[in-house]
Protein backbone atom coordinates (compact mmCIF):
# COMPACT_ATOMS: atom_id res chain seq x y z
CA MET A 1 36.22 -49.67 189.80
CA ILE A 2 32.50 -48.11 189.15
CA ILE A 3 34.93 -45.32 187.04
CA ALA A 4 35.47 -47.74 184.71
CA GLU A 5 31.99 -49.11 184.65
CA LEU A 6 30.83 -45.30 184.09
CA SER A 7 31.71 -45.77 180.54
CA ASP A 8 28.87 -47.96 179.69
CA ALA A 9 26.46 -45.88 182.30
CA VAL A 10 22.76 -46.16 180.65
CA TRP A 11 21.51 -42.85 181.76
CA ARG A 12 17.82 -41.96 182.71
CA LYS A 13 15.63 -38.86 183.55
CA SER A 14 12.57 -39.50 185.26
CA SER A 15 9.68 -39.18 184.07
CA ARG A 16 8.11 -36.94 186.19
CA SER A 17 10.55 -34.62 184.84
CA GLY A 18 9.04 -32.79 181.72
CA SER A 19 11.28 -30.64 180.11
CA ASN A 20 12.85 -29.48 182.48
CA ALA A 21 16.47 -28.95 182.65
CA ASN A 22 16.79 -28.91 186.60
CA CYS A 23 16.81 -32.59 186.89
CA VAL A 24 19.51 -35.33 187.59
CA GLU A 25 19.83 -39.25 185.47
CA VAL A 26 20.72 -42.04 187.60
CA ALA A 27 22.15 -44.65 185.87
CA GLU A 28 22.20 -48.38 187.60
CA LEU A 29 26.07 -49.63 187.21
CA PRO A 30 26.54 -52.89 188.48
CA ARG A 31 27.63 -52.49 192.28
CA ALA A 32 25.97 -49.28 192.41
CA ILE A 33 23.83 -47.05 191.64
CA ALA A 34 25.22 -43.25 190.35
CA VAL A 35 23.65 -39.89 189.89
CA ARG A 36 24.73 -36.48 187.65
CA ASP A 37 23.26 -33.38 187.00
CA SER A 38 21.73 -33.89 183.75
CA LYS A 39 22.84 -30.38 182.50
CA ASP A 40 26.56 -31.41 182.58
CA PRO A 41 26.59 -34.61 181.97
CA ALA A 42 30.54 -34.88 181.85
CA GLY A 43 30.53 -33.21 185.22
CA PRO A 44 30.76 -34.93 188.82
CA VAL A 45 29.02 -38.91 188.97
CA LEU A 46 27.96 -39.84 193.20
CA ALA A 47 28.07 -42.83 193.70
CA PHE A 48 25.46 -44.87 195.87
CA GLU A 49 25.94 -48.06 196.84
CA ARG A 50 22.94 -50.12 196.45
CA ALA A 51 21.51 -50.91 199.83
CA ALA A 52 21.40 -46.81 200.10
CA TRP A 53 19.72 -45.88 197.40
CA SER A 54 17.22 -48.00 198.00
CA ALA A 55 16.86 -46.36 201.75
CA PHE A 56 16.93 -43.37 199.86
CA VAL A 57 14.33 -43.83 197.51
CA ASP A 58 11.47 -45.29 199.49
CA GLY A 59 12.42 -42.32 202.30
CA VAL A 60 11.30 -39.20 199.07
CA PRO A 61 6.87 -38.55 199.19
CA GLU A 62 5.01 -39.46 196.47
């Protein structure tokens, strides 16, 4: 269950985010990639299948 995996999640922000407070954080879970708003760490979390997350990241321009 992904909710149980969140308790051990290690969250990180992009190194490109700098000191900007408008960031998202990601955590690699055993079965998914979790995403949350860095300003609201206790708020909602989106979870994506690894293949869907990879497709998203591959499509982001550099």
